[in-house]
Amino acid sequence: MVDVEVYMFDGKNYIVFDKIQDYVYLANEKNTRDMMIRKIDINDDRTLLSLESDEEFEKALMLLTTKKLQEEEE
């Protein structure tokens, strides 16, 4: 059995599909096109925070993109 992490935002369940550095990548369990990126709170690793800027969003997205491209090459 696989452990699945689920967080609720606005009454919707989001499943963690990846973690890279301090970033958590989540998808809505009922609509996988509804995704979000959050970061782990350094003071409480069970709390997810919104990203602070467009630049931080771009950094987190680039980390995920790079990881997925590397996995495809393997």
Protein backbone atom coordinates (compact mmCIF):
# COMPACT_ATOMS: atom_id res chain seq x y z
CA MET A 1 0.00 0.00 0.00
CA VAL A 2 1.22 3.49 -0.85
CA ASP A 3 0.98 6.33 1.65
CA VAL A 4 -0.72 9.41 0.21
CA GLU A 5 -0.51 12.88 1.68
CA VAL A 6 -3.70 14.90 1.35
CA TYR A 7 -4.25 18.56 2.20
CA MET A 8 -7.55 20.42 2.08
CA PHE A 9 -7.82 23.89 0.53
CA ASP A 10 -11.17 25.65 0.07
CA GLY A 11 -13.03 22.43 0.81
CA LYS A 12 -11.17 20.45 -1.87
CA ASN A 13 -8.71 17.62 -1.30
CA TYR A 14 -5.30 18.01 -2.92
CA ILE A 15 -2.90 15.07 -3.18
CA VAL A 16 0.86 15.56 -2.99
CA PHE A 17 2.44 14.23 -6.18
CA ASP A 18 5.99 15.49 -5.66
CA LYS A 19 8.30 17.29 -3.25
CA ILE A 20 11.47 19.08 -4.29
CA GLN A 21 13.57 21.00 -1.79
CA ASP A 22 11.04 22.99 0.29
CA TYR A 23 8.32 22.90 -2.37
CA VAL A 24 5.28 20.65 -2.42
CA TYR A 25 3.39 19.98 -5.66
CA LEU A 26 -0.29 19.10 -5.29
CA ALA A 27 -3.17 18.11 -7.57
CA ASN A 28 -6.89 18.19 -6.88
CA GLU A 29 -8.08 14.60 -6.34
CA LYS A 30 -11.13 15.17 -8.57
CA ASN A 31 -9.50 17.36 -11.24
CA THR A 32 -5.81 16.72 -11.90
CA ARG A 33 -5.63 19.85 -14.04
CA ASP A 34 -6.23 21.85 -10.84
CA MET A 35 -2.74 21.98 -9.36
CA MET A 36 -0.86 24.15 -6.91
CA ILE A 37 2.61 24.64 -5.54
CA ARG A 38 3.20 25.43 -1.90
CA LYS A 39 6.27 25.60 0.31
CA ILE A 40 6.85 23.93 3.64
CA ASP A 41 6.87 26.24 6.66
CA ILE A 42 10.34 26.11 8.23
CA ASN A 43 8.78 26.35 11.71
CA ASP A 44 6.16 23.62 11.16
CA ASP A 45 6.75 20.99 8.49
CA ARG A 46 3.02 20.11 8.46
CA THR A 47 2.05 23.63 7.37
CA LEU A 48 2.10 24.65 3.71
CA LEU A 49 2.52 28.30 2.76
CA SER A 50 1.70 30.21 -0.40
CA LEU A 51 4.62 31.23 -2.58
CA GLU A 52 5.76 34.80 -2.02
CA SER A 53 6.27 36.04 -5.57
CA ASP A 54 6.10 35.27 -9.27
CA GLU A 55 9.85 34.67 -9.17
CA GLU A 56 9.47 32.04 -6.48
CA PHE A 57 6.68 30.37 -8.49
CA GLU A 58 8.93 30.30 -11.55
CA LYS A 59 11.79 28.79 -9.50
CA ALA A 60 9.51 26.05 -8.10
CA LEU A 61 8.07 25.32 -11.53
CA MET A 62 11.55 25.12 -13.06
CA LEU A 63 12.63 22.63 -10.38
CA LEU A 64 9.69 20.38 -11.23
CA THR A 65 10.19 20.72 -14.98
CA THR A 66 13.90 19.91 -14.70
CA LYS A 67 13.21 16.86 -12.54
CA LYS A 68 10.58 15.50 -14.94
CA LEU A 69 12.86 16.03 -17.96
CA GLN A 70 15.70 14.20 -16.20
CA GLU A 71 13.37 11.30 -15.35
CA GLU A 72 12.35 11.03 -19.01
CA GLU A 73 16.01 10.79 -20.07
CA GLU A 74 16.68 7.84 -17.75
